[in-house]
Amino acid sequence: MRLNHDERGLTLVELMVVVVFLAVGILTLTLVQTHSFRDVYGTGLHTRALDIAQLQLETARSAGFTLAQSDSGVTGGFTWRCDVDSVDVALRRVTATVSWTDKGATRSVRLMDLLSAR
């Protein structure tokens, strides 16, 4: 019994080519996933730092013009500093700076707001 050309199946070379293409595709997807994970982790750190800076601004704002004062501390691996400076007779600038280390580099965010005596 003779087999048709359509019934013969794959050769070993064709099978190896398919395996190589699949391996390259899977490696590419793995690299994309790894980079995505790192980016999401870094963005999460940045968001947490912004939350801490916003909290410090809100703390100074809730203390009011006369009681707002400079402060600093460490929260969950983040170092923060809140500076209150006089800009004018009835105006103070509040600056919240949060720093952290990511991938061996120091990163930071800074938020500023103004408090008035009125």
PDB file of N, CA and C in Angstrom:
ATOM      1  N   MET A   1       0.832  -1.159   0.000  1.00  0.00           N
ATOM      2  CA  MET A   1       0.000   0.000   0.000  1.00  0.00           C
ATOM      3  C   MET A   1       0.889   1.238   0.000  1.00  0.00           C
ATOM      4  N   ARG A   2       0.654   2.119  -0.911  1.00  0.00           N
ATOM      5  CA  ARG A   2       1.428   3.371  -1.016  1.00  0.00           C
ATOM      6  C   ARG A   2       0.700   4.501  -0.332  1.00  0.00           C
ATOM      7  N   LEU A   3       1.490   5.365   0.400  1.00  0.00           N
ATOM      8  CA  LEU A   3       0.903   6.509   1.083  1.00  0.00           C
ATOM      9  C   LEU A   3       0.849   7.700   0.148  1.00  0.00           C
ATOM     10  N   ASN A   4      -0.191   8.429   0.266  1.00  0.00           N
ATOM     11  CA  ASN A   4      -0.323   9.689  -0.465  1.00  0.00           C
ATOM     12  C   ASN A   4       0.695  10.694   0.045  1.00  0.00           C
ATOM     13  N   HIS A   5       0.960  11.706  -0.730  1.00  0.00           N
ATOM     14  CA  HIS A   5       1.848  12.786  -0.306  1.00  0.00           C
ATOM     15  C   HIS A   5       1.266  13.490   0.910  1.00  0.00           C
ATOM     16  N   ASP A   6      -0.058  13.607   1.011  1.00  0.00           N
ATOM     17  CA  ASP A   6      -0.723  14.282   2.124  1.00  0.00           C
ATOM     18  C   ASP A   6      -0.684  13.476   3.416  1.00  0.00           C
ATOM     19  N   GLU A   7      -0.444  12.192   3.363  1.00  0.00           N
ATOM     20  CA  GLU A   7      -0.512  11.331   4.534  1.00  0.00           C
ATOM     21  C   GLU A   7       0.850  11.045   5.146  1.00  0.00           C
ATOM     22  N   ARG A   8       1.904  11.684   4.702  1.00  0.00           N
ATOM     23  CA  ARG A   8       3.241  11.317   5.137  1.00  0.00           C
ATOM     24  C   ARG A   8       3.636  11.865   6.499  1.00  0.00           C
ATOM     25  N   GLY A   9       3.226  12.974   6.974  1.00  0.00           N
ATOM     26  CA  GLY A   9       3.625  13.500   8.277  1.00  0.00           C
ATOM     27  C   GLY A   9       4.812  14.446   8.173  1.00  0.00           C
ATOM     28  N   LEU A  10       5.391  14.784   9.315  1.00  0.00           N
ATOM     29  CA  LEU A  10       6.485  15.740   9.375  1.00  0.00           C
ATOM     30  C   LEU A  10       7.840  15.039   9.378  1.00  0.00           C
ATOM     31  N   THR A  11       8.794  15.692   8.770  1.00  0.00           N
ATOM     32  CA  THR A  11      10.161  15.179   8.851  1.00  0.00           C
ATOM     33  C   THR A  11      10.788  15.704  10.133  1.00  0.00           C
ATOM     34  N   LEU A  12      11.901  15.156  10.507  1.00  0.00           N
ATOM     35  CA  LEU A  12      12.592  15.575  11.713  1.00  0.00           C
ATOM     36  C   LEU A  12      13.055  17.031  11.601  1.00  0.00           C
ATOM     37  N   VAL A  13      13.495  17.444  10.426  1.00  0.00           N
ATOM     38  CA  VAL A  13      13.949  18.822  10.225  1.00  0.00           C
ATOM     39  C   VAL A  13      12.786  19.792  10.402  1.00  0.00           C
ATOM     40  N   GLU A  14      11.639  19.471   9.837  1.00  0.00           N
ATOM     41  CA  GLU A  14      10.466  20.336   9.999  1.00  0.00           C
ATOM     42  C   GLU A  14      10.052  20.438  11.469  1.00  0.00           C
ATOM     43  N   LEU A  15      10.109  19.332  12.164  1.00  0.00           N
ATOM     44  CA  LEU A  15       9.776  19.326  13.579  1.00  0.00           C
ATOM     45  C   LEU A  15      10.759  20.181  14.386  1.00  0.00           C
ATOM     46  N   MET A  16      12.045  20.114  14.066  1.00  0.00           N
ATOM     47  CA  MET A  16      13.061  20.921  14.764  1.00  0.00           C
ATOM     48  C   MET A  16      12.833  22.419  14.510  1.00  0.00           C
ATOM     49  N   VAL A  17      12.460  22.789  13.295  1.00  0.00           N
ATOM     50  CA  VAL A  17      12.192  24.188  12.980  1.00  0.00           C
ATOM     51  C   VAL A  17      11.013  24.695  13.806  1.00  0.00           C
ATOM     52  N   VAL A  18       9.974  23.903  13.919  1.00  0.00           N
ATOM     53  CA  VAL A  18       8.808  24.280  14.722  1.00  0.00           C
ATOM     54  C   VAL A  18       9.208  24.446  16.177  1.00  0.00           C
ATOM     55  N   VAL A  19      10.024  23.555  16.718  1.00  0.00           N
ATOM     56  CA  VAL A  19      10.458  23.636  18.112  1.00  0.00           C
ATOM     57  C   VAL A  19      11.297  24.897  18.337  1.00  0.00           C
ATOM     58  N   VAL A  20      12.170  25.241  17.399  1.00  0.00           N
ATOM     59  CA  VAL A  20      12.991  26.451  17.527  1.00  0.00           C
ATOM     60  C   VAL A  20      12.095  27.692  17.528  1.00  0.00           C
ATOM     61  N   PHE A  21      11.133  27.760  16.622  1.00  0.00           N
ATOM     62  CA  PHE A  21      10.213  28.906  16.597  1.00  0.00           C
ATOM     63  C   PHE A  21       9.427  29.026  17.900  1.00  0.00           C
ATOM     64  N   LEU A  22       8.953  27.919  18.426  1.00  0.00           N
ATOM     65  CA  LEU A  22       8.233  27.941  19.696  1.00  0.00           C
ATOM     66  C   LEU A  22       9.141  28.401  20.839  1.00  0.00           C
ATOM     67  N   ALA A  23      10.363  27.925  20.869  1.00  0.00           N
ATOM     68  CA  ALA A  23      11.301  28.317  21.925  1.00  0.00           C
ATOM     69  C   ALA A  23      11.597  29.815  21.869  1.00  0.00           C
ATOM     70  N   VAL A  24      11.814  30.339  20.670  1.00  0.00           N
ATOM     71  CA  VAL A  24      12.071  31.783  20.528  1.00  0.00           C
ATOM     72  C   VAL A  24      10.853  32.581  20.979  1.00  0.00           C
ATOM     73  N   GLY A  25       9.685  32.159  20.633  1.00  0.00           N
ATOM     74  CA  GLY A  25       8.468  32.852  21.047  1.00  0.00           C
ATOM     75  C   GLY A  25       8.266  32.821  22.552  1.00  0.00           C
ATOM     76  N   ILE A  26       8.507  31.669  23.156  1.00  0.00           N
ATOM     77  CA  ILE A  26       8.343  31.558  24.610  1.00  0.00           C
ATOM     78  C   ILE A  26       9.385  32.399  25.335  1.00  0.00           C
ATOM     79  N   LEU A  27      10.634  32.406  24.866  1.00  0.00           N
ATOM     80  CA  LEU A  27      11.669  33.242  25.483  1.00  0.00           C
ATOM     81  C   LEU A  27      11.327  34.722  25.377  1.00  0.00           C
ATOM     82  N   THR A  28      10.811  35.136  24.243  1.00  0.00           N
ATOM     83  CA  THR A  28      10.414  36.533  24.067  1.00  0.00           C
ATOM     84  C   THR A  28       9.307  36.905  25.041  1.00  0.00           C
ATOM     85  N   LEU A  29       8.306  36.069  25.165  1.00  0.00           N
ATOM     86  CA  LEU A  29       7.226  36.333  26.113  1.00  0.00           C
ATOM     87  C   LEU A  29       7.728  36.369  27.553  1.00  0.00           C
ATOM     88  N   THR A  30       8.680  35.513  27.893  1.00  0.00           N
ATOM     89  CA  THR A  30       9.256  35.502  29.235  1.00  0.00           C
ATOM     90  C   THR A  30       9.988  36.801  29.521  1.00  0.00           C
ATOM     91  N   LEU A  31      10.756  37.303  28.560  1.00  0.00           N
ATOM     92  CA  LEU A  31      11.469  38.569  28.736  1.00  0.00           C
ATOM     93  C   LEU A  31      10.494  39.735  28.889  1.00  0.00           C
ATOM     94  N   VAL A  32       9.455  39.751  28.086  1.00  0.00           N
ATOM     95  CA  VAL A  32       8.444  40.811  28.185  1.00  0.00           C
ATOM     96  C   VAL A  32       7.774  40.757  29.556  1.00  0.00           C
ATOM     97  N   GLN A  33       7.451  39.584  30.033  1.00  0.00           N
ATOM     98  CA  GLN A  33       6.809  39.426  31.339  1.00  0.00           C
ATOM     99  C   GLN A  33       7.731  39.902  32.453  1.00  0.00           C
ATOM    100  N   THR A  34       9.016  39.573  32.382  1.00  0.00           N
ATOM    101  CA  THR A  34       9.984  39.987  33.398  1.00  0.00           C
ATOM    102  C   THR A  34      10.119  41.506  33.437  1.00  0.00           C
ATOM    103  N   HIS A  35      10.241  42.142  32.267  1.00  0.00           N
ATOM    104  CA  HIS A  35      10.339  43.604  32.211  1.00  0.00           C
ATOM    105  C   HIS A  35       9.050  44.254  32.717  1.00  0.00           C
ATOM    106  N   SER A  36       7.916  43.681  32.391  1.00  0.00           N
ATOM    107  CA  SER A  36       6.638  44.216  32.855  1.00  0.00           C
ATOM    108  C   SER A  36       6.543  44.146  34.371  1.00  0.00           C
ATOM    109  N   PHE A  37       6.988  43.040  34.939  1.00  0.00           N
ATOM    110  CA  PHE A  37       6.954  42.891  36.388  1.00  0.00           C
ATOM    111  C   PHE A  37       7.830  43.954  37.054  1.00  0.00           C
ATOM    112  N   ARG A  38       9.026  44.174  36.527  1.00  0.00           N
ATOM    113  CA  ARG A  38       9.922  45.194  37.084  1.00  0.00           C
ATOM    114  C   ARG A  38       9.303  46.587  36.986  1.00  0.00           C
ATOM    115  N   ASP A  39       8.678  46.885  35.860  1.00  0.00           N
ATOM    116  CA  ASP A  39       8.049  48.195  35.675  1.00  0.00           C
ATOM    117  C   ASP A  39       6.884  48.395  36.650  1.00  0.00           C
ATOM    118  N   VAL A  40       6.080  47.374  36.824  1.00  0.00           N
ATOM    119  CA  VAL A  40       4.946  47.472  37.744  1.00  0.00           C
ATOM    120  C   VAL A  40       5.448  47.637  39.176  1.00  0.00           C
ATOM    121  N   TYR A  41       6.503  46.927  39.537  1.00  0.00           N
ATOM    122  CA  TYR A  41       7.079  47.041  40.880  1.00  0.00           C
ATOM    123  C   TYR A  41       7.607  48.461  41.106  1.00  0.00           C
ATOM    124  N   GLY A  42       8.330  49.009  40.130  1.00  0.00           N
ATOM    125  CA  GLY A  42       8.859  50.372  40.244  1.00  0.00           C
ATOM    126  C   GLY A  42       7.753  51.408  40.331  1.00  0.00           C
ATOM    127  N   THR A  43       6.705  51.221  39.559  1.00  0.00           N
ATOM    128  CA  THR A  43       5.567  52.129  39.608  1.00  0.00           C
ATOM    129  C   THR A  43       4.868  52.051  40.963  1.00  0.00           C
ATOM    130  N   GLY A  44       4.791  50.858  41.522  1.00  0.00           N
ATOM    131  CA  GLY A  44       4.206  50.690  42.851  1.00  0.00           C
ATOM    132  C   GLY A  44       4.990  51.441  43.915  1.00  0.00           C
ATOM    133  N   LEU A  45       6.328  51.394  43.825  1.00  0.00           N
ATOM    134  CA  LEU A  45       7.162  52.139  44.767  1.00  0.00           C
ATOM    135  C   LEU A  45       6.942  53.643  44.625  1.00  0.00           C
ATOM    136  N   HIS A  46       6.868  54.100  43.391  1.00  0.00           N
ATOM    137  CA  HIS A  46       6.654  55.525  43.130  1.00  0.00           C
ATOM    138  C   HIS A  46       5.293  55.968  43.677  1.00  0.00           C
ATOM    139  N   THR A  47       4.276  55.159  43.481  1.00  0.00           N
ATOM    140  CA  THR A  47       2.938  55.467  43.980  1.00  0.00           C
ATOM    141  C   THR A  47       2.923  55.505  45.503  1.00  0.00           C
ATOM    142  N   ARG A  48       3.610  54.561  46.132  1.00  0.00           N
ATOM    143  CA  ARG A  48       3.679  54.545  47.605  1.00  0.00           C
ATOM    144  C   ARG A  48       4.388  55.807  48.108  1.00  0.00           C
ATOM    145  N   ALA A  49       5.465  56.217  47.438  1.00  0.00           N
ATOM    146  CA  ALA A  49       6.175  57.438  47.830  1.00  0.00           C
ATOM    147  C   ALA A  49       5.272  58.658  47.695  1.00  0.00           C
ATOM    148  N   LEU A  50       4.494  58.726  46.626  1.00  0.00           N
ATOM    149  CA  LEU A  50       3.551  59.835  46.460  1.00  0.00           C
ATOM    150  C   LEU A  50       2.499  59.839  47.560  1.00  0.00           C
ATOM    151  N   ASP A  51       2.041  58.668  47.967  1.00  0.00           N
ATOM    152  CA  ASP A  51       1.072  58.576  49.066  1.00  0.00           C
ATOM    153  C   ASP A  51       1.663  59.132  50.363  1.00  0.00           C
ATOM    154  N   ILE A  52       2.916  58.788  50.642  1.00  0.00           N
ATOM    155  CA  ILE A  52       3.571  59.267  51.861  1.00  0.00           C
ATOM    156  C   ILE A  52       3.743  60.784  51.801  1.00  0.00           C
ATOM    157  N   ALA A  53       4.176  61.303  50.653  1.00  0.00           N
ATOM    158  CA  ALA A  53       4.350  62.755  50.510  1.00  0.00           C
ATOM    159  C   ALA A  53       3.014  63.469  50.669  1.00  0.00           C
ATOM    160  N   GLN A  54       1.968  62.931  50.075  1.00  0.00           N
ATOM    161  CA  GLN A  54       0.636  63.537  50.202  1.00  0.00           C
ATOM    162  C   GLN A  54       0.176  63.517  51.651  1.00  0.00           C
ATOM    163  N   LEU A  55       0.441  62.434  52.366  1.00  0.00           N
ATOM    164  CA  LEU A  55       0.077  62.341  53.775  1.00  0.00           C
ATOM    165  C   LEU A  55       0.794  63.421  54.589  1.00  0.00           C
ATOM    166  N   GLN A  56       2.061  63.666  54.288  1.00  0.00           N
ATOM    167  CA  GLN A  56       2.806  64.693  55.018  1.00  0.00           C
ATOM    168  C   GLN A  56       2.247  66.091  54.729  1.00  0.00           C
ATOM    169  N   LEU A  57       1.888  66.340  53.482  1.00  0.00           N
ATOM    170  CA  LEU A  57       1.259  67.623  53.156  1.00  0.00           C
ATOM    171  C   LEU A  57      -0.071  67.793  53.889  1.00  0.00           C
ATOM    172  N   GLU A  58      -0.856  66.736  53.912  1.00  0.00           N
ATOM    173  CA  GLU A  58      -2.156  66.795  54.593  1.00  0.00           C
ATOM    174  C   GLU A  58      -1.981  66.988  56.095  1.00  0.00           C
ATOM    175  N   THR A  59      -0.956  66.377  56.673  1.00  0.00           N
ATOM    176  CA  THR A  59      -0.681  66.541  58.105  1.00  0.00           C
ATOM    177  C   THR A  59      -0.340  67.992  58.412  1.00  0.00           C
ATOM    178  N   ALA A  60       0.528  68.600  57.594  1.00  0.00           N
ATOM    179  CA  ALA A  60       0.887  70.010  57.794  1.00  0.00           C
ATOM    180  C   ALA A  60      -0.321  70.906  57.578  1.00  0.00           C
ATOM    181  N   ARG A  61      -1.117  70.592  56.559  1.00  0.00           N
ATOM    182  CA  ARG A  61      -2.312  71.398  56.269  1.00  0.00           C
ATOM    183  C   ARG A  61      -3.319  71.318  57.419  1.00  0.00           C
ATOM    184  N   SER A  62      -3.487  70.125  57.984  1.00  0.00           N
ATOM    185  CA  SER A  62      -4.461  69.971  59.069  1.00  0.00           C
ATOM    186  C   SER A  62      -3.962  70.614  60.369  1.00  0.00           C
ATOM    187  N   ALA A  63      -2.649  70.759  60.535  1.00  0.00           N
ATOM    188  CA  ALA A  63      -2.110  71.441  61.713  1.00  0.00           C
ATOM    189  C   ALA A  63      -2.417  72.932  61.660  1.00  0.00           C
ATOM    190  N   GLY A  64      -2.560  73.452  60.475  1.00  0.00           N
ATOM    191  CA  GLY A  64      -2.878  74.865  60.313  1.00  0.00           C
ATOM    192  C   GLY A  64      -1.639  75.720  60.154  1.00  0.00           C
ATOM    193  N   PHE A  65      -1.870  76.975  59.833  1.00  0.00           N
ATOM    194  CA  PHE A  65      -0.778  77.908  59.529  1.00  0.00           C
ATOM    195  C   PHE A  65       0.172  78.083  60.716  1.00  0.00           C
ATOM    196  N   THR A  66      -0.361  78.252  61.888  1.00  0.00           N
ATOM    197  CA  THR A  66       0.489  78.563  63.043  1.00  0.00           C
ATOM    198  C   THR A  66       1.194  77.341  63.620  1.00  0.00           C
ATOM    199  N   LEU A  67       0.626  76.148  63.490  1.00  0.00           N
ATOM    200  CA  LEU A  67       1.210  74.950  64.099  1.00  0.00           C
ATOM    201  C   LEU A  67       1.995  74.066  63.132  1.00  0.00           C
ATOM    202  N   ALA A  68       1.930  74.330  61.838  1.00  0.00           N
ATOM    203  CA  ALA A  68       2.670  73.507  60.862  1.00  0.00           C
ATOM    204  C   ALA A  68       4.154  73.664  61.107  1.00  0.00           C
ATOM    205  N   GLN A  69       4.865  72.526  61.173  1.00  0.00           N
ATOM    206  CA  GLN A  69       6.303  72.575  61.418  1.00  0.00           C
ATOM    207  C   GLN A  69       7.021  71.489  60.627  1.00  0.00           C
ATOM    208  N   SER A  70       8.319  71.680  60.446  1.00  0.00           N
ATOM    209  CA  SER A  70       9.141  70.712  59.719  1.00  0.00           C
ATOM    210  C   SER A  70       9.246  69.424  60.520  1.00  0.00           C
ATOM    211  N   ASP A  71       9.348  68.316  59.788  1.00  0.00           N
ATOM    212  CA  ASP A  71       9.429  67.002  60.428  1.00  0.00           C
ATOM    213  C   ASP A  71      10.102  66.041  59.448  1.00  0.00           C
ATOM    214  N   SER A  72      10.552  64.889  59.942  1.00  0.00           N
ATOM    215  CA  SER A  72      11.132  63.870  59.066  1.00  0.00           C
ATOM    216  C   SER A  72      10.965  62.510  59.716  1.00  0.00           C
ATOM    217  N   GLY A  73      11.156  61.467  58.917  1.00  0.00           N
ATOM    218  CA  GLY A  73      11.035  60.119  59.450  1.00  0.00           C
ATOM    219  C   GLY A  73      11.255  59.065  58.382  1.00  0.00           C
ATOM    220  N   VAL A  74      11.050  57.815  58.787  1.00  0.00           N
ATOM    221  CA  VAL A  74      11.191  56.662  57.892  1.00  0.00           C
ATOM    222  C   VAL A  74       9.914  55.846  57.996  1.00  0.00           C
ATOM    223  N   THR A  75       9.360  55.493  56.854  1.00  0.00           N
ATOM    224  CA  THR A  75       8.141  54.693  56.810  1.00  0.00           C
ATOM    225  C   THR A  75       8.313  53.590  55.778  1.00  0.00           C
ATOM    226  N   GLY A  76       8.374  52.351  56.223  1.00  0.00           N
ATOM    227  CA  GLY A  76       8.420  51.206  55.317  1.00  0.00           C
ATOM    228  C   GLY A  76       9.497  51.263  54.261  1.00  0.00           C
ATOM    229  N   GLY A  77      10.703  51.669  54.603  1.00  0.00           N
ATOM    230  CA  GLY A  77      11.796  51.737  53.636  1.00  0.00           C
ATOM    231  C   GLY A  77      11.880  53.054  52.880  1.00  0.00           C
ATOM    232  N   PHE A  78      10.960  53.957  53.135  1.00  0.00           N
ATOM    233  CA  PHE A  78      10.955  55.274  52.511  1.00  0.00           C
ATOM    234  C   PHE A  78      11.392  56.302  53.552  1.00  0.00           C
ATOM    235  N   THR A  79      12.299  57.188  53.162  1.00  0.00           N
ATOM    236  CA  THR A  79      12.719  58.277  54.033  1.00  0.00           C
ATOM    237  C   THR A  79      11.989  59.532  53.586  1.00  0.00           C
ATOM    238  N   TRP A  80      11.334  60.218  54.513  1.00  0.00           N
ATOM    239  CA  TRP A  80      10.571  61.405  54.149  1.00  0.00           C
ATOM    240  C   TRP A  80      11.005  62.593  54.989  1.00  0.00           C
ATOM    241  N   ARG A  81      10.816  63.753  54.418  1.00  0.00           N
ATOM    242  CA  ARG A  81      11.111  65.021  55.094  1.00  0.00           C
ATOM    243  C   ARG A  81      10.058  66.027  54.658  1.00  0.00           C
ATOM    244  N   CYS A  82       9.503  66.734  55.644  1.00  0.00           N
ATOM    245  CA  CYS A  82       8.516  67.774  55.379  1.00  0.00           C
ATOM    246  C   CYS A  82       9.079  69.083  55.915  1.00  0.00           C
ATOM    247  N   ASP A  83       9.328  70.032  55.024  1.00  0.00           N
ATOM    248  CA  ASP A  83       9.876  71.333  55.391  1.00  0.00           C
ATOM    249  C   ASP A  83       8.797  72.398  55.286  1.00  0.00           C
ATOM    250  N   VAL A  84       8.719  73.250  56.319  1.00  0.00           N
ATOM    251  CA  VAL A  84       7.787  74.370  56.330  1.00  0.00           C
ATOM    252  C   VAL A  84       8.617  75.644  56.369  1.00  0.00           C
ATOM    253  N   ASP A  85       8.504  76.464  55.307  1.00  0.00           N
ATOM    254  CA  ASP A  85       9.281  77.703  55.193  1.00  0.00           C
ATOM    255  C   ASP A  85       8.335  78.883  55.032  1.00  0.00           C
ATOM    256  N   SER A  86       8.727  80.025  55.625  1.00  0.00           N
ATOM    257  CA  SER A  86       7.956  81.249  55.433  1.00  0.00           C
ATOM    258  C   SER A  86       8.277  81.845  54.072  1.00  0.00           C
ATOM    259  N   VAL A  87       7.234  82.131  53.309  1.00  0.00           N
ATOM    260  CA  VAL A  87       7.390  82.760  52.009  1.00  0.00           C
ATOM    261  C   VAL A  87       7.094  84.246  52.116  1.00  0.00           C
ATOM    262  N   ASP A  88       6.099  84.553  52.931  1.00  0.00           N
ATOM    263  CA  ASP A  88       5.665  85.940  53.137  1.00  0.00           C
ATOM    264  C   ASP A  88       5.099  86.026  54.556  1.00  0.00           C
ATOM    265  N   VAL A  89       4.624  87.173  54.923  1.00  0.00           N
ATOM    266  CA  VAL A  89       4.091  87.375  56.276  1.00  0.00           C
ATOM    267  C   VAL A  89       2.949  86.398  56.569  1.00  0.00           C
ATOM    268  N   ALA A  90       2.067  86.192  55.646  1.00  0.00           N
ATOM    269  CA  ALA A  90       0.898  85.338  55.870  1.00  0.00           C
ATOM    270  C   ALA A  90       0.899  84.120  54.957  1.00  0.00           C
ATOM    271  N   LEU A  91       2.106  83.669  54.530  1.00  0.00           N
ATOM    272  CA  LEU A  91       2.179  82.562  53.581  1.00  0.00           C
ATOM    273  C   LEU A  91       3.368  81.662  53.910  1.00  0.00           C
ATOM    274  N   ARG A  92       3.105  80.363  53.982  1.00  0.00           N
ATOM    275  CA  ARG A  92       4.161  79.375  54.215  1.00  0.00           C
ATOM    276  C   ARG A  92       4.129  78.321  53.112  1.00  0.00           C
ATOM    277  N   ARG A  93       5.324  77.881  52.736  1.00  0.00           N
ATOM    278  CA  ARG A  93       5.453  76.815  51.735  1.00  0.00           C
ATOM    279  C   ARG A  93       5.762  75.512  52.468  1.00  0.00           C
ATOM    280  N   VAL A  94       5.009  74.477  52.148  1.00  0.00           N
ATOM    281  CA  VAL A  94       5.234  73.143  52.714  1.00  0.00           C
ATOM    282  C   VAL A  94       5.776  72.265  51.590  1.00  0.00           C
ATOM    283  N   THR A  95       6.951  71.679  51.826  1.00  0.00           N
ATOM    284  CA  THR A  95       7.581  70.808  50.834  1.00  0.00           C
ATOM    285  C   THR A  95       7.772  69.426  51.445  1.00  0.00           C
ATOM    286  N   ALA A  96       7.182  68.418  50.838  1.00  0.00           N
ATOM    287  CA  ALA A  96       7.326  67.031  51.290  1.00  0.00           C
ATOM    288  C   ALA A  96       8.184  66.289  50.281  1.00  0.00           C
ATOM    289  N   THR A  97       9.307  65.736  50.750  1.00  0.00           N
ATOM    290  CA  THR A  97      10.220  64.980  49.895  1.00  0.00           C
ATOM    291  C   THR A  97      10.321  63.562  50.430  1.00  0.00           C
ATOM    292  N   VAL A  98      10.146  62.593  49.550  1.00  0.00           N
ATOM    293  CA  VAL A  98      10.246  61.179  49.926  1.00  0.00           C
ATOM    294  C   VAL A  98      11.301  60.527  49.046  1.00  0.00           C
ATOM    295  N   SER A  99      12.235  59.793  49.679  1.00  0.00           N
ATOM    296  CA  SER A  99      13.322  59.124  48.950  1.00  0.00           C
ATOM    297  C   SER A  99      13.294  57.626  49.239  1.00  0.00           C
ATOM    298  N   TRP A 100      13.751  56.841  48.273  1.00  0.00           N
ATOM    299  CA  TRP A 100      13.864  55.401  48.428  1.00  0.00           C
ATOM    300  C   TRP A 100      14.921  54.888  47.455  1.00  0.00           C
ATOM    301  N   THR A 101      15.337  53.650  47.650  1.00  0.00           N
ATOM    302  CA  THR A 101      16.334  53.030  46.776  1.00  0.00           C
ATOM    303  C   THR A 101      15.648  51.968  45.924  1.00  0.00           C
ATOM    304  N   ASP A 102      15.886  52.033  44.617  1.00  0.00           N
ATOM    305  CA  ASP A 102      15.312  51.076  43.673  1.00  0.00           C
ATOM    306  C   ASP A 102      16.386  50.696  42.672  1.00  0.00           C
ATOM    307  N   LYS A 103      16.708  49.409  42.596  1.00  0.00           N
ATOM    308  CA  LYS A 103      17.725  48.893  41.669  1.00  0.00           C
ATOM    309  C   LYS A 103      19.071  49.581  41.884  1.00  0.00           C
ATOM    310  N   GLY A 104      19.411  49.849  43.142  1.00  0.00           N
ATOM    311  CA  GLY A 104      20.698  50.445  43.470  1.00  0.00           C
ATOM    312  C   GLY A 104      20.776  51.947  43.281  1.00  0.00           C
ATOM    313  N   ALA A 105      19.723  52.581  42.813  1.00  0.00           N
ATOM    314  CA  ALA A 105      19.709  54.029  42.599  1.00  0.00           C
ATOM    315  C   ALA A 105      18.732  54.680  43.577  1.00  0.00           C
ATOM    316  N   THR A 106      19.084  55.863  44.030  1.00  0.00           N
ATOM    317  CA  THR A 106      18.198  56.608  44.914  1.00  0.00           C
ATOM    318  C   THR A 106      17.192  57.386  44.085  1.00  0.00           C
ATOM    319  N   ARG A 107      15.939  57.197  44.395  1.00  0.00           N
ATOM    320  CA  ARG A 107      14.848  57.897  43.712  1.00  0.00           C
ATOM    321  C   ARG A 107      14.145  58.791  44.730  1.00  0.00           C
ATOM    322  N   SER A 108      13.470  59.810  44.241  1.00  0.00           N
ATOM    323  CA  SER A 108      12.724  60.673  45.156  1.00  0.00           C
ATOM    324  C   SER A 108      11.580  61.369  44.435  1.00  0.00           C
ATOM    325  N   VAL A 109      10.589  61.770  45.229  1.00  0.00           N
ATOM    326  CA  VAL A 109       9.483  62.591  44.738  1.00  0.00           C
ATOM    327  C   VAL A 109       9.354  63.784  45.685  1.00  0.00           C
ATOM    328  N   ARG A 110       8.859  64.892  45.156  1.00  0.00           N
ATOM    329  CA  ARG A 110       8.697  66.096  45.954  1.00  0.00           C
ATOM    330  C   ARG A 110       7.350  66.731  45.600  1.00  0.00           C
ATOM    331  N   LEU A 111       6.593  67.041  46.643  1.00  0.00           N
ATOM    332  CA  LEU A 111       5.323  67.749  46.484  1.00  0.00           C
ATOM    333  C   LEU A 111       5.404  69.041  47.284  1.00  0.00           C
ATOM    334  N   MET A 112       4.803  70.099  46.756  1.00  0.00           N
ATOM    335  CA  MET A 112       4.785  71.389  47.441  1.00  0.00           C
ATOM    336  C   MET A 112       3.365  71.922  47.515  1.00  0.00           C
ATOM    337  N   ASP A 113       3.119  72.685  48.578  1.00  0.00           N
ATOM    338  CA  ASP A 113       1.831  73.331  48.759  1.00  0.00           C
ATOM    339  C   ASP A 113       2.061  74.628  49.541  1.00  0.00           C
ATOM    340  N   LEU A 114       1.085  75.484  49.518  1.00  0.00           N
ATOM    341  CA  LEU A 114       1.163  76.743  50.262  1.00  0.00           C
ATOM    342  C   LEU A 114       0.080  76.785  51.322  1.00  0.00           C
ATOM    343  N   LEU A 115       0.441  77.304  52.499  1.00  0.00           N
ATOM    344  CA  LEU A 115      -0.521  77.533  53.573  1.00  0.00           C
ATOM    345  C   LEU A 115      -0.638  79.023  53.798  1.00  0.00           C
ATOM    346  N   SER A 116      -1.856  79.480  53.929  1.00  0.00           N
ATOM    347  CA  SER A 116      -2.037  80.894  54.201  1.00  0.00           C
ATOM    348  C   SER A 116      -2.635  81.074  55.579  1.00  0.00           C
ATOM    349  N   ALA A 117      -2.420  82.244  56.147  1.00  0.00           N
ATOM    350  CA  ALA A 117      -2.926  82.547  57.484  1.00  0.00           C
ATOM    351  C   ALA A 117      -4.433  82.730  57.481  1.00  0.00           C
ATOM    352  N   ARG A 118      -5.028  82.957  56.353  1.00  0.00           N
ATOM    353  CA  ARG A 118      -6.474  83.209  56.268  1.00  0.00           C
ATOM    354  C   ARG A 118      -7.260  81.937  56.216  1.00  0.00           C
TER     355      ARG A 118
END
